[in-house]
Amino acid sequence: MPLCSLPPAHRPLADALALGPALLERARSAAAPWLAASLVEGPAVVLGAAQRAGRVVDLAACAARGAAVLRRSTTGTAAFLGGRGVVWTLALPHVAALAADATARTLLNRNVRGFLRGFARAGAPAHYFGREWIALQHRPAALLGVDATPDGAVLIEVLAGHDAPLAIPTELAAPDERAVDRWLGKAPAALAEILPARRSLEELAGFVIEAVAVRAGLPLTDGGGAPELAVERFQPIAAPDDPAPPGAGPAVVARVPIGWIEAAALGEPSPPRAWIGGDLLTARWLLDALGRGAAPASLDAEAAPLEGASLADLRALAQRALSAERAS
C-alpha cells in the first residue's frame, strides 16, 4: 500500500481546509492513506470544528484588523496565521494505516512521528508531549486537529505559521480564550524563528511529506491532481454562535484541562437533544451522538479519538444544558 500524496502547492486558505474532507473521502474509497501540503496566506484565525466563534475570538476586532475567521473540519483549538503558513492534511482509511500499533487512544502519538522526523530533517528538532501541539526547539509551533468517521477513517491536520506564532493575538481573542494558557507557559514560535535561514517553506512541506512515508515504511506515490473541493463551508465566519445550530439555547460552559467545553439545548425536539462543542480533539460524530443522548454502552469510545475531555464530562454538560432549557 503506498502513501498517496499531493505535492506542496500554494492554495487559498479555504481550499486548503476543504482538502480535509475531500482527501478523507479518497482515503475511505481507495483504502489508502493520503497526505497533502498547502502553502497558505493569512492573516486569519482557523477555528477548530467544534469551537463557538464568539468564545474564541472578537469578530469585530478581527474584521478591523483584516483577519478572516474560518473553520476547519477537524476538532481542536484555534490557530492564528499571521502571514505565510502551511497546512498538512493527512487522511487515513483506518487508525493503524501508518502505524500498526496505533489505536484511537494513541492516534496522534503514533501519527505525529513522521512529522517530527520531517521537521528535524528541515533543521528544527521537534517533540510531541501530547494533546494538541508540536514543539520545535522546545517552543509550540505546529497545531494538531482531528476528525474521524463512524466507520473508522481518520483525518489529521497540522497547521504552522511561518511569519507569526500560532497564538491568537490578545487584541483579537475573546475573554474566555485569554483566560486559558494554551501553551503551558511556553512562548509559541513562528517557523521563521526556528528554521535555518536558507530553508524555504516549500522545502519544509516536502520534507515532512517524505518523512511521513519513510517513518511508515510506505512508498510515496504522486496522487495526481487535487480533488474537486467543496469550499462553501470554509468561508469566513460572521456569526458569534457559529457552529451552534439556529435556535440553540444559551451555551453552558465548563472548564477542562485543554480549555473549555460547552453545550446548548436545541429547540424542542423529541427526545430533546443538545449541541456539544468546545476545545477538544475528537470525532464530530461522537459529539453528535452524545448530543442525541446516546448511552455510553452504545458508543465505542475505542473507535474515536477523545482528548481534552471525557465522555462523562460531555454527557454531564449536555444534561446541564437540557436542564437549563427545561427550567426556563
C-alpha atoms as a PDB file:
ATOM      1  CA  MET A   1       0.000   0.000   0.000  1.00  0.00           C
ATOM      2  CA  PRO A   2       1.520   3.375  -0.974  1.00  0.00           C
ATOM      3  CA  LEU A   3       1.124   6.736   0.685  1.00  0.00           C
ATOM      4  CA  CYS A   4      -0.578   8.858  -1.954  1.00  0.00           C
ATOM      5  CA  SER A   5       0.474  12.497  -1.922  1.00  0.00           C
ATOM      6  CA  LEU A   6      -0.264  15.854  -3.424  1.00  0.00           C
ATOM      7  CA  PRO A   7       2.967  17.851  -3.690  1.00  0.00           C
ATOM      8  CA  PRO A   8       3.233  21.151  -1.801  1.00  0.00           C
ATOM      9  CA  ALA A   9       1.215  23.830  -3.578  1.00  0.00           C
ATOM     10  CA  HIS A  10       0.046  27.364  -2.921  1.00  0.00           C
ATOM     11  CA  ARG A  11      -3.681  27.313  -2.176  1.00  0.00           C
ATOM     12  CA  PRO A  12      -6.236  29.786  -0.862  1.00  0.00           C
ATOM     13  CA  LEU A  13      -6.840  29.015   2.797  1.00  0.00           C
ATOM     14  CA  ALA A  14     -10.434  27.905   2.135  1.00  0.00           C
ATOM     15  CA  ASP A  15      -9.163  25.424  -0.462  1.00  0.00           C
ATOM     16  CA  ALA A  16      -6.532  24.089   1.936  1.00  0.00           C
ATOM     17  CA  LEU A  17      -9.195  23.479   4.589  1.00  0.00           C
ATOM     18  CA  ALA A  18     -11.570  21.908   2.061  1.00  0.00           C
ATOM     19  CA  LEU A  19      -8.881  19.351   1.224  1.00  0.00           C
ATOM     20  CA  GLY A  20      -9.592  17.683   4.575  1.00  0.00           C
ATOM     21  CA  PRO A  21     -12.980  16.132   3.811  1.00  0.00           C
ATOM     22  CA  ALA A  22     -12.032  15.591   0.152  1.00  0.00           C
ATOM     23  CA  LEU A  23      -8.937  13.543   0.992  1.00  0.00           C
ATOM     24  CA  LEU A  24     -10.757  11.747   3.796  1.00  0.00           C
ATOM     25  CA  GLU A  25     -13.266  10.516   1.224  1.00  0.00           C
ATOM     26  CA  ARG A  26     -10.432   9.455  -1.093  1.00  0.00           C
ATOM     27  CA  ALA A  27      -8.774   7.535   1.729  1.00  0.00           C
ATOM     28  CA  ARG A  28     -12.027   5.745   2.539  1.00  0.00           C
ATOM     29  CA  SER A  29     -12.884   4.855  -1.040  1.00  0.00           C
ATOM     30  CA  ALA A  30      -9.358   3.799  -2.085  1.00  0.00           C
ATOM     31  CA  ALA A  31      -8.425   2.193   1.268  1.00  0.00           C
ATOM     32  CA  ALA A  32      -5.114   4.067   1.088  1.00  0.00           C
ATOM     33  CA  PRO A  33      -3.624   6.961   3.088  1.00  0.00           C
ATOM     34  CA  TRP A  34      -3.311  10.421   1.553  1.00  0.00           C
ATOM     35  CA  LEU A  35      -1.122  13.374   2.502  1.00  0.00           C
ATOM     36  CA  ALA A  36      -1.033  16.908   1.103  1.00  0.00           C
ATOM     37  CA  ALA A  37       0.708  20.153   1.993  1.00  0.00           C
ATOM     38  CA  SER A  38      -0.861  23.542   1.288  1.00  0.00           C
ATOM     39  CA  LEU A  39       1.065  26.797   1.435  1.00  0.00           C
ATOM     40  CA  VAL A  40      -1.378  29.463   2.608  1.00  0.00           C
ATOM     41  CA  GLU A  41      -1.572  33.175   3.401  1.00  0.00           C
ATOM     42  CA  GLY A  42      -3.109  35.000   6.357  1.00  0.00           C
ATOM     43  CA  PRO A  43      -3.959  36.925   8.325  1.00  0.00           C
ATOM     44  CA  ALA A  44      -6.608  34.521   9.544  1.00  0.00           C
ATOM     45  CA  VAL A  45      -7.812  32.639  12.588  1.00  0.00           C
ATOM     46  CA  VAL A  46      -8.593  28.984  11.894  1.00  0.00           C
ATOM     47  CA  LEU A  47     -11.068  27.632  14.436  1.00  0.00           C
ATOM     48  CA  GLY A  48     -11.485  24.001  15.387  1.00  0.00           C
ATOM     49  CA  ALA A  49     -14.637  22.361  14.026  1.00  0.00           C
ATOM     50  CA  ALA A  50     -16.455  22.456  17.377  1.00  0.00           C
ATOM     51  CA  GLN A  51     -15.313  25.829  18.739  1.00  0.00           C
ATOM     52  CA  ARG A  52     -18.004  28.516  19.042  1.00  0.00           C
ATOM     53  CA  ALA A  53     -16.572  31.561  17.299  1.00  0.00           C
ATOM     54  CA  GLY A  54     -17.591  34.191  19.836  1.00  0.00           C
ATOM     55  CA  ARG A  55     -15.998  32.304  22.713  1.00  0.00           C
ATOM     56  CA  VAL A  56     -12.619  32.209  20.947  1.00  0.00           C
ATOM     57  CA  VAL A  57     -12.286  35.497  19.058  1.00  0.00           C
ATOM     58  CA  ASP A  58     -13.595  39.048  18.974  1.00  0.00           C
ATOM     59  CA  LEU A  59     -15.093  39.029  15.488  1.00  0.00           C
ATOM     60  CA  ALA A  60     -15.252  42.825  15.283  1.00  0.00           C
ATOM     61  CA  ALA A  61     -11.579  43.138  16.218  1.00  0.00           C
ATOM     62  CA  CYS A  62     -10.656  40.503  13.636  1.00  0.00           C
ATOM     63  CA  ALA A  63     -12.604  42.361  10.955  1.00  0.00           C
ATOM     64  CA  ALA A  64     -10.931  45.652  11.863  1.00  0.00           C
ATOM     65  CA  ARG A  65      -7.512  44.049  11.523  1.00  0.00           C
ATOM     66  CA  GLY A  66      -8.439  42.331   8.265  1.00  0.00           C
ATOM     67  CA  ALA A  67      -8.044  38.846   9.770  1.00  0.00           C
ATOM     68  CA  ALA A  68     -10.572  36.378   8.395  1.00  0.00           C
ATOM     69  CA  VAL A  69     -12.087  33.811  10.761  1.00  0.00           C
ATOM     70  CA  LEU A  70     -12.550  30.401   9.171  1.00  0.00           C
ATOM     71  CA  ARG A  71     -13.347  26.935  10.458  1.00  0.00           C
ATOM     72  CA  ARG A  72     -11.606  23.694   9.595  1.00  0.00           C
ATOM     73  CA  SER A  73     -13.237  20.255   9.550  1.00  0.00           C
ATOM     74  CA  THR A  74     -11.045  18.857  12.344  1.00  0.00           C
ATOM     75  CA  THR A  75     -11.692  19.463  16.017  1.00  0.00           C
ATOM     76  CA  GLY A  76      -9.186  21.021  18.380  1.00  0.00           C
ATOM     77  CA  THR A  77      -8.145  24.557  19.229  1.00  0.00           C
ATOM     78  CA  ALA A  78      -7.681  27.652  17.094  1.00  0.00           C
ATOM     79  CA  ALA A  79      -4.578  28.661  15.158  1.00  0.00           C
ATOM     80  CA  PHE A  80      -3.561  32.155  14.087  1.00  0.00           C
ATOM     81  CA  LEU A  81      -1.888  32.521  10.706  1.00  0.00           C
ATOM     82  CA  GLY A  82      -0.401  35.993  10.682  1.00  0.00           C
ATOM     83  CA  GLY A  83       1.166  35.706   7.232  1.00  0.00           C
ATOM     84  CA  ARG A  84       2.528  32.737   5.336  1.00  0.00           C
ATOM     85  CA  GLY A  85       1.820  29.305   6.745  1.00  0.00           C
ATOM     86  CA  VAL A  86       1.405  25.652   5.883  1.00  0.00           C
ATOM     87  CA  VAL A  87      -1.429  23.159   6.372  1.00  0.00           C
ATOM     88  CA  TRP A  88      -0.653  19.453   6.127  1.00  0.00           C
ATOM     89  CA  THR A  89      -3.662  17.200   5.506  1.00  0.00           C
ATOM     90  CA  LEU A  90      -3.292  13.514   6.412  1.00  0.00           C
ATOM     91  CA  ALA A  91      -6.234  11.195   5.682  1.00  0.00           C
ATOM     92  CA  LEU A  92      -6.151   7.550   6.761  1.00  0.00           C
ATOM     93  CA  PRO A  93      -8.561   4.738   5.830  1.00  0.00           C
ATOM     94  CA  HIS A  94      -8.202   3.418   9.386  1.00  0.00           C
ATOM     95  CA  VAL A  95      -6.351   4.408  12.528  1.00  0.00           C
ATOM     96  CA  ALA A  96      -3.470   1.953  12.013  1.00  0.00           C
ATOM     97  CA  ALA A  97      -2.831   2.695   8.337  1.00  0.00           C
ATOM     98  CA  LEU A  98       0.623   4.198   9.014  1.00  0.00           C
ATOM     99  CA  ALA A  99       1.476   2.699  12.399  1.00  0.00           C
ATOM    100  CA  ALA A 100       0.375  -0.860  13.041  1.00  0.00           C
ATOM    101  CA  ASP A 101       0.077  -0.353  16.807  1.00  0.00           C
ATOM    102  CA  ALA A 102      -1.983   2.858  16.628  1.00  0.00           C
ATOM    103  CA  THR A 103      -5.374   2.952  18.335  1.00  0.00           C
ATOM    104  CA  ALA A 104      -7.909   5.710  18.854  1.00  0.00           C
ATOM    105  CA  ARG A 105      -6.202   6.481  22.173  1.00  0.00           C
ATOM    106  CA  THR A 106      -2.721   6.685  20.621  1.00  0.00           C
ATOM    107  CA  LEU A 107      -3.750   8.154  17.270  1.00  0.00           C
ATOM    108  CA  LEU A 108      -1.775  11.380  17.487  1.00  0.00           C
ATOM    109  CA  ASN A 109       1.166   9.947  19.383  1.00  0.00           C
ATOM    110  CA  ARG A 110       1.801   7.394  16.638  1.00  0.00           C
ATOM    111  CA  ASN A 111       0.970   9.518  13.616  1.00  0.00           C
ATOM    112  CA  VAL A 112       2.918  12.663  14.501  1.00  0.00           C
ATOM    113  CA  ARG A 113       6.206  10.755  14.470  1.00  0.00           C
ATOM    114  CA  GLY A 114       6.712  11.203  10.742  1.00  0.00           C
ATOM    115  CA  PHE A 115       6.046  14.920  11.144  1.00  0.00           C
ATOM    116  CA  LEU A 116       8.653  15.116  13.896  1.00  0.00           C
ATOM    117  CA  ARG A 117      11.180  13.447  11.617  1.00  0.00           C
ATOM    118  CA  GLY A 118      10.359  15.857   8.781  1.00  0.00           C
ATOM    119  CA  PHE A 119      10.750  18.932  10.983  1.00  0.00           C
ATOM    120  CA  ALA A 120      14.066  17.612  12.275  1.00  0.00           C
ATOM    121  CA  ARG A 121      15.334  16.974   8.756  1.00  0.00           C
ATOM    122  CA  ALA A 122      14.474  20.581   7.888  1.00  0.00           C
ATOM    123  CA  GLY A 123      16.638  21.781  10.785  1.00  0.00           C
ATOM    124  CA  ALA A 124      14.038  22.147  13.548  1.00  0.00           C
ATOM    125  CA  PRO A 125      14.281  19.471  16.276  1.00  0.00           C
ATOM    126  CA  ALA A 126      10.720  18.516  17.162  1.00  0.00           C
ATOM    127  CA  HIS A 127       8.940  16.886  20.100  1.00  0.00           C
ATOM    128  CA  TYR A 128       5.360  15.923  20.877  1.00  0.00           C
ATOM    129  CA  PHE A 129       4.356  15.890  24.518  1.00  0.00           C
ATOM    130  CA  GLY A 130       0.696  15.012  23.993  1.00  0.00           C
ATOM    131  CA  ARG A 131      -2.542  16.760  23.178  1.00  0.00           C
ATOM    132  CA  GLU A 132      -2.775  19.494  20.556  1.00  0.00           C
ATOM    133  CA  TRP A 133       0.616  20.901  19.566  1.00  0.00           C
ATOM    134  CA  ILE A 134       4.112  20.010  18.411  1.00  0.00           C
ATOM    135  CA  ALA A 135       7.132  21.776  19.886  1.00  0.00           C
ATOM    136  CA  LEU A 136      10.021  22.857  17.677  1.00  0.00           C
ATOM    137  CA  GLN A 137      13.180  23.667  19.607  1.00  0.00           C
ATOM    138  CA  HIS A 138      11.028  23.349  22.742  1.00  0.00           C
ATOM    139  CA  ARG A 139       8.513  26.012  21.648  1.00  0.00           C
ATOM    140  CA  PRO A 140       4.940  25.368  20.432  1.00  0.00           C
ATOM    141  CA  ALA A 141       4.983  25.814  16.658  1.00  0.00           C
ATOM    142  CA  ALA A 142       2.526  23.404  14.989  1.00  0.00           C
ATOM    143  CA  LEU A 143      -1.110  22.780  15.914  1.00  0.00           C
ATOM    144  CA  LEU A 144      -2.998  19.495  15.500  1.00  0.00           C
ATOM    145  CA  GLY A 145      -6.617  18.866  14.534  1.00  0.00           C
ATOM    146  CA  VAL A 146      -8.517  15.556  14.364  1.00  0.00           C
ATOM    147  CA  ASP A 147     -11.702  14.093  12.937  1.00  0.00           C
ATOM    148  CA  ALA A 148     -12.893  10.539  12.279  1.00  0.00           C
ATOM    149  CA  THR A 149     -15.819   8.840  10.584  1.00  0.00           C
ATOM    150  CA  PRO A 150     -18.068   6.272  12.268  1.00  0.00           C
ATOM    151  CA  ASP A 151     -16.509   3.533  10.114  1.00  0.00           C
ATOM    152  CA  GLY A 152     -13.013   4.398  11.346  1.00  0.00           C
ATOM    153  CA  ALA A 153     -11.390   6.627   8.716  1.00  0.00           C
ATOM    154  CA  VAL A 154      -9.274   9.383  10.265  1.00  0.00           C
ATOM    155  CA  LEU A 155      -8.312  12.936   9.337  1.00  0.00           C
ATOM    156  CA  ILE A 156      -5.377  14.764  10.929  1.00  0.00           C
ATOM    157  CA  GLU A 157      -4.454  18.360  10.102  1.00  0.00           C
ATOM    158  CA  VAL A 158      -1.220  20.068  11.140  1.00  0.00           C
ATOM    159  CA  LEU A 159      -1.034  23.873  10.905  1.00  0.00           C
ATOM    160  CA  ALA A 160       2.057  26.025  11.315  1.00  0.00           C
ATOM    161  CA  GLY A 161       2.690  29.733  10.808  1.00  0.00           C
ATOM    162  CA  HIS A 162       5.901  30.898   9.137  1.00  0.00           C
ATOM    163  CA  ASP A 163       5.772  34.651   9.761  1.00  0.00           C
ATOM    164  CA  ALA A 164       3.931  34.770  13.105  1.00  0.00           C
ATOM    165  CA  PRO A 165       3.363  32.381  16.035  1.00  0.00           C
ATOM    166  CA  LEU A 166       0.155  30.332  16.181  1.00  0.00           C
ATOM    167  CA  ALA A 167      -1.201  32.048  19.299  1.00  0.00           C
ATOM    168  CA  ILE A 168      -4.195  34.314  18.734  1.00  0.00           C
ATOM    169  CA  PRO A 169      -3.057  37.891  19.455  1.00  0.00           C
ATOM    170  CA  THR A 170      -4.519  39.203  22.698  1.00  0.00           C
ATOM    171  CA  GLU A 171      -6.345  42.026  20.939  1.00  0.00           C
ATOM    172  CA  LEU A 172      -8.215  39.513  18.742  1.00  0.00           C
ATOM    173  CA  ALA A 173      -9.054  36.979  21.455  1.00  0.00           C
ATOM    174  CA  ALA A 174     -12.325  36.732  23.379  1.00  0.00           C
ATOM    175  CA  PRO A 175     -12.160  36.875  27.211  1.00  0.00           C
ATOM    176  CA  ASP A 176     -12.613  33.099  27.596  1.00  0.00           C
ATOM    177  CA  GLU A 177      -9.719  32.499  25.216  1.00  0.00           C
ATOM    178  CA  ARG A 178      -7.460  34.934  27.051  1.00  0.00           C
ATOM    179  CA  ALA A 179      -8.182  33.072  30.299  1.00  0.00           C
ATOM    180  CA  VAL A 180      -6.567  29.846  29.031  1.00  0.00           C
ATOM    181  CA  ASP A 181      -2.843  29.128  28.968  1.00  0.00           C
ATOM    182  CA  ARG A 182      -2.845  27.245  25.671  1.00  0.00           C
ATOM    183  CA  TRP A 183       0.905  26.768  25.622  1.00  0.00           C
ATOM    184  CA  LEU A 184       1.743  25.662  29.179  1.00  0.00           C
ATOM    185  CA  GLY A 185       3.780  28.756  29.895  1.00  0.00           C
ATOM    186  CA  LYS A 186       5.890  28.498  26.747  1.00  0.00           C
ATOM    187  CA  ALA A 187       6.085  31.217  24.079  1.00  0.00           C
ATOM    188  CA  PRO A 188       4.824  29.928  20.708  1.00  0.00           C
ATOM    189  CA  ALA A 189       7.234  30.349  17.814  1.00  0.00           C
ATOM    190  CA  ALA A 190       6.922  31.181  14.146  1.00  0.00           C
ATOM    191  CA  LEU A 191       8.710  28.805  11.793  1.00  0.00           C
ATOM    192  CA  ALA A 192      10.885  31.692  10.613  1.00  0.00           C
ATOM    193  CA  GLU A 193      12.327  31.937  14.136  1.00  0.00           C
ATOM    194  CA  ILE A 194      13.304  28.271  14.180  1.00  0.00           C
ATOM    195  CA  LEU A 195      14.141  27.058  10.689  1.00  0.00           C
ATOM    196  CA  PRO A 196      17.575  27.715   9.190  1.00  0.00           C
ATOM    197  CA  ALA A 197      17.533  30.927   7.149  1.00  0.00           C
ATOM    198  CA  ARG A 198      18.147  29.022   3.935  1.00  0.00           C
ATOM    199  CA  ARG A 199      15.159  26.714   4.440  1.00  0.00           C
ATOM    200  CA  SER A 200      12.062  27.651   2.448  1.00  0.00           C
ATOM    201  CA  LEU A 201       8.515  26.829   3.458  1.00  0.00           C
ATOM    202  CA  GLU A 202       8.177  24.728   0.306  1.00  0.00           C
ATOM    203  CA  GLU A 203      11.202  22.626   1.302  1.00  0.00           C
ATOM    204  CA  LEU A 204       9.847  22.108   4.807  1.00  0.00           C
ATOM    205  CA  ALA A 205       6.466  20.999   3.445  1.00  0.00           C
ATOM    206  CA  GLY A 206       8.130  18.490   1.148  1.00  0.00           C
ATOM    207  CA  PHE A 207      10.490  17.163   3.829  1.00  0.00           C
ATOM    208  CA  VAL A 208       7.523  16.394   6.068  1.00  0.00           C
ATOM    209  CA  ILE A 209       5.653  14.509   3.334  1.00  0.00           C
ATOM    210  CA  GLU A 210       8.721  12.396   2.591  1.00  0.00           C
ATOM    211  CA  ALA A 211       9.411  11.748   6.262  1.00  0.00           C
ATOM    212  CA  VAL A 212       5.862  10.562   6.971  1.00  0.00           C
ATOM    213  CA  ALA A 213       6.233   7.977   4.195  1.00  0.00           C
ATOM    214  CA  VAL A 214       9.687   6.869   5.416  1.00  0.00           C
ATOM    215  CA  ARG A 215       8.536   6.591   9.040  1.00  0.00           C
ATOM    216  CA  ALA A 216       5.574   4.448   7.943  1.00  0.00           C
ATOM    217  CA  GLY A 217       7.739   2.304   5.653  1.00  0.00           C
ATOM    218  CA  LEU A 218       5.479   3.019   2.690  1.00  0.00           C
ATOM    219  CA  PRO A 219       6.368   4.008  -0.860  1.00  0.00           C
ATOM    220  CA  LEU A 220       5.374   7.573  -1.721  1.00  0.00           C
ATOM    221  CA  THR A 221       3.349   7.975  -4.885  1.00  0.00           C
ATOM    222  CA  ASP A 222       2.028  11.053  -6.665  1.00  0.00           C
ATOM    223  CA  GLY A 223      -1.726  11.159  -6.237  1.00  0.00           C
ATOM    224  CA  GLY A 224      -2.238  13.181  -9.394  1.00  0.00           C
ATOM    225  CA  GLY A 225      -4.491  16.204  -9.492  1.00  0.00           C
ATOM    226  CA  ALA A 226      -6.196  17.688  -6.471  1.00  0.00           C
ATOM    227  CA  PRO A 227      -9.781  16.557  -5.885  1.00  0.00           C
ATOM    228  CA  GLU A 228     -12.779  18.757  -6.507  1.00  0.00           C
ATOM    229  CA  LEU A 229     -13.250  20.895  -3.421  1.00  0.00           C
ATOM    230  CA  ALA A 230     -16.455  21.998  -1.718  1.00  0.00           C
ATOM    231  CA  VAL A 231     -15.222  25.321  -0.362  1.00  0.00           C
ATOM    232  CA  GLU A 232     -18.612  26.776   0.615  1.00  0.00           C
ATOM    233  CA  ARG A 233     -18.414  25.613   4.239  1.00  0.00           C
ATOM    234  CA  PHE A 234     -14.906  27.051   4.625  1.00  0.00           C
ATOM    235  CA  GLN A 235     -15.775  30.689   4.029  1.00  0.00           C
ATOM    236  CA  PRO A 236     -15.230  33.419   6.662  1.00  0.00           C
ATOM    237  CA  ILE A 237     -17.472  33.328   9.723  1.00  0.00           C
ATOM    238  CA  ALA A 238     -19.503  36.342  10.850  1.00  0.00           C
ATOM    239  CA  ALA A 239     -21.882  34.854  13.471  1.00  0.00           C
ATOM    240  CA  PRO A 240     -20.551  34.601  17.037  1.00  0.00           C
ATOM    241  CA  ASP A 241     -22.620  31.487  17.829  1.00  0.00           C
ATOM    242  CA  ASP A 242     -21.384  29.557  14.793  1.00  0.00           C
ATOM    243  CA  PRO A 243     -21.368  26.463  14.642  1.00  0.00           C
ATOM    244  CA  ALA A 244     -24.238  26.066  17.137  1.00  0.00           C
ATOM    245  CA  PRO A 245     -27.404  25.459  15.058  1.00  0.00           C
ATOM    246  CA  PRO A 246     -30.024  28.205  14.724  1.00  0.00           C
ATOM    247  CA  GLY A 247     -32.442  28.135  17.635  1.00  0.00           C
ATOM    248  CA  ALA A 248     -29.932  26.703  20.088  1.00  0.00           C
ATOM    249  CA  GLY A 249     -30.379  27.838  23.657  1.00  0.00           C
ATOM    250  CA  PRO A 250     -27.819  29.702  25.773  1.00  0.00           C
ATOM    251  CA  ALA A 251     -24.460  27.976  25.989  1.00  0.00           C
ATOM    252  CA  VAL A 252     -23.489  26.200  29.203  1.00  0.00           C
ATOM    253  CA  VAL A 253     -19.698  26.246  29.568  1.00  0.00           C
ATOM    254  CA  ALA A 254     -17.316  24.156  31.665  1.00  0.00           C
ATOM    255  CA  ARG A 255     -13.544  24.270  32.149  1.00  0.00           C
ATOM    256  CA  VAL A 256     -11.490  21.202  31.206  1.00  0.00           C
ATOM    257  CA  PRO A 257      -7.703  20.720  31.049  1.00  0.00           C
ATOM    258  CA  ILE A 258      -7.495  21.574  27.352  1.00  0.00           C
ATOM    259  CA  GLY A 259      -9.650  24.719  27.671  1.00  0.00           C
ATOM    260  CA  TRP A 260     -13.454  24.891  27.534  1.00  0.00           C
ATOM    261  CA  ILE A 261     -16.309  22.635  26.529  1.00  0.00           C
ATOM    262  CA  GLU A 262     -19.869  23.830  26.050  1.00  0.00           C
ATOM    263  CA  ALA A 263     -23.367  22.673  25.232  1.00  0.00           C
ATOM    264  CA  ALA A 264     -26.687  24.221  24.216  1.00  0.00           C
ATOM    265  CA  ALA A 265     -30.183  22.765  24.031  1.00  0.00           C
ATOM    266  CA  LEU A 266     -31.646  22.531  20.530  1.00  0.00           C
ATOM    267  CA  GLY A 267     -35.214  23.784  20.454  1.00  0.00           C
ATOM    268  CA  GLU A 268     -37.901  21.254  21.346  1.00  0.00           C
ATOM    269  CA  PRO A 269     -37.133  18.009  19.505  1.00  0.00           C
ATOM    270  CA  SER A 270     -38.413  14.748  20.927  1.00  0.00           C
ATOM    271  CA  PRO A 271     -36.441  13.321  22.541  1.00  0.00           C
ATOM    272  CA  PRO A 272     -34.583  16.501  23.498  1.00  0.00           C
ATOM    273  CA  ARG A 273     -31.000  16.818  22.303  1.00  0.00           C
ATOM    274  CA  ALA A 274     -28.087  19.209  22.625  1.00  0.00           C
ATOM    275  CA  TRP A 275     -25.286  20.688  20.562  1.00  0.00           C
ATOM    276  CA  ILE A 276     -21.889  19.947  22.137  1.00  0.00           C
ATOM    277  CA  GLY A 277     -18.683  21.761  21.228  1.00  0.00           C
ATOM    278  CA  GLY A 278     -15.542  23.327  22.568  1.00  0.00           C
ATOM    279  CA  ASP A 279     -11.802  22.813  22.850  1.00  0.00           C
ATOM    280  CA  LEU A 280     -11.290  19.097  22.479  1.00  0.00           C
ATOM    281  CA  LEU A 281      -9.856  16.658  19.982  1.00  0.00           C
ATOM    282  CA  THR A 282     -12.413  14.072  18.934  1.00  0.00           C
ATOM    283  CA  ALA A 283     -14.669  12.904  16.133  1.00  0.00           C
ATOM    284  CA  ARG A 284     -17.594  15.144  15.291  1.00  0.00           C
ATOM    285  CA  TRP A 285     -19.881  12.120  15.029  1.00  0.00           C
ATOM    286  CA  LEU A 286     -19.150  11.317  18.676  1.00  0.00           C
ATOM    287  CA  LEU A 287     -20.241  14.815  19.747  1.00  0.00           C
ATOM    288  CA  ASP A 288     -23.432  14.442  17.701  1.00  0.00           C
ATOM    289  CA  ALA A 289     -24.170  11.036  19.246  1.00  0.00           C
ATOM    290  CA  LEU A 290     -23.665  12.352  22.777  1.00  0.00           C
ATOM    291  CA  GLY A 291     -25.913  15.315  21.994  1.00  0.00           C
ATOM    292  CA  ARG A 292     -28.650  12.886  20.971  1.00  0.00           C
ATOM    293  CA  GLY A 293     -28.321  11.216  24.353  1.00  0.00           C
ATOM    294  CA  ALA A 294     -26.644   8.003  23.208  1.00  0.00           C
ATOM    295  CA  ALA A 295     -25.790   5.814  26.178  1.00  0.00           C
ATOM    296  CA  PRO A 296     -22.124   5.089  26.893  1.00  0.00           C
ATOM    297  CA  ALA A 297     -22.711   1.397  26.183  1.00  0.00           C
ATOM    298  CA  SER A 298     -23.812   2.245  22.642  1.00  0.00           C
ATOM    299  CA  LEU A 299     -20.683   4.310  21.961  1.00  0.00           C
ATOM    300  CA  ASP A 300     -17.475   2.527  21.163  1.00  0.00           C
ATOM    301  CA  ALA A 301     -15.020   5.009  22.643  1.00  0.00           C
ATOM    302  CA  GLU A 302     -12.169   2.953  21.184  1.00  0.00           C
ATOM    303  CA  ALA A 303     -13.430   3.795  17.687  1.00  0.00           C
ATOM    304  CA  ALA A 304     -12.985   7.546  18.066  1.00  0.00           C
ATOM    305  CA  PRO A 305     -10.192   9.736  19.435  1.00  0.00           C
ATOM    306  CA  LEU A 306     -11.083  11.737  22.521  1.00  0.00           C
ATOM    307  CA  GLU A 307      -8.541  14.079  24.090  1.00  0.00           C
ATOM    308  CA  GLY A 308      -9.108  17.064  26.346  1.00  0.00           C
ATOM    309  CA  ALA A 309     -12.352  15.910  27.994  1.00  0.00           C
ATOM    310  CA  SER A 310     -14.054  12.640  28.919  1.00  0.00           C
ATOM    311  CA  LEU A 311     -17.331  11.084  27.819  1.00  0.00           C
ATOM    312  CA  ALA A 312     -18.614  11.795  31.325  1.00  0.00           C
ATOM    313  CA  ASP A 313     -17.648  15.486  31.041  1.00  0.00           C
ATOM    314  CA  LEU A 314     -19.510  15.852  27.758  1.00  0.00           C
ATOM    315  CA  ARG A 315     -22.624  13.966  28.829  1.00  0.00           C
ATOM    316  CA  ALA A 316     -22.868  15.937  32.073  1.00  0.00           C
ATOM    317  CA  LEU A 317     -22.602  19.232  30.232  1.00  0.00           C
ATOM    318  CA  ALA A 318     -25.298  18.230  27.737  1.00  0.00           C
ATOM    319  CA  GLN A 319     -27.590  17.320  30.619  1.00  0.00           C
ATOM    320  CA  ARG A 320     -26.934  20.702  32.248  1.00  0.00           C
ATOM    321  CA  ALA A 321     -27.882  22.481  29.026  1.00  0.00           C
ATOM    322  CA  LEU A 322     -31.092  20.459  28.680  1.00  0.00           C
ATOM    323  CA  SER A 323     -31.987  21.010  32.352  1.00  0.00           C
ATOM    324  CA  ALA A 324     -31.441  24.767  31.992  1.00  0.00           C
ATOM    325  CA  GLU A 325     -33.700  24.784  28.925  1.00  0.00           C
ATOM    326  CA  ARG A 326     -36.479  22.955  30.778  1.00  0.00           C
ATOM    327  CA  ALA A 327     -36.141  25.253  33.783  1.00  0.00           C
ATOM    328  CA  SER A 328     -36.556  28.343  31.601  1.00  0.00           C
END
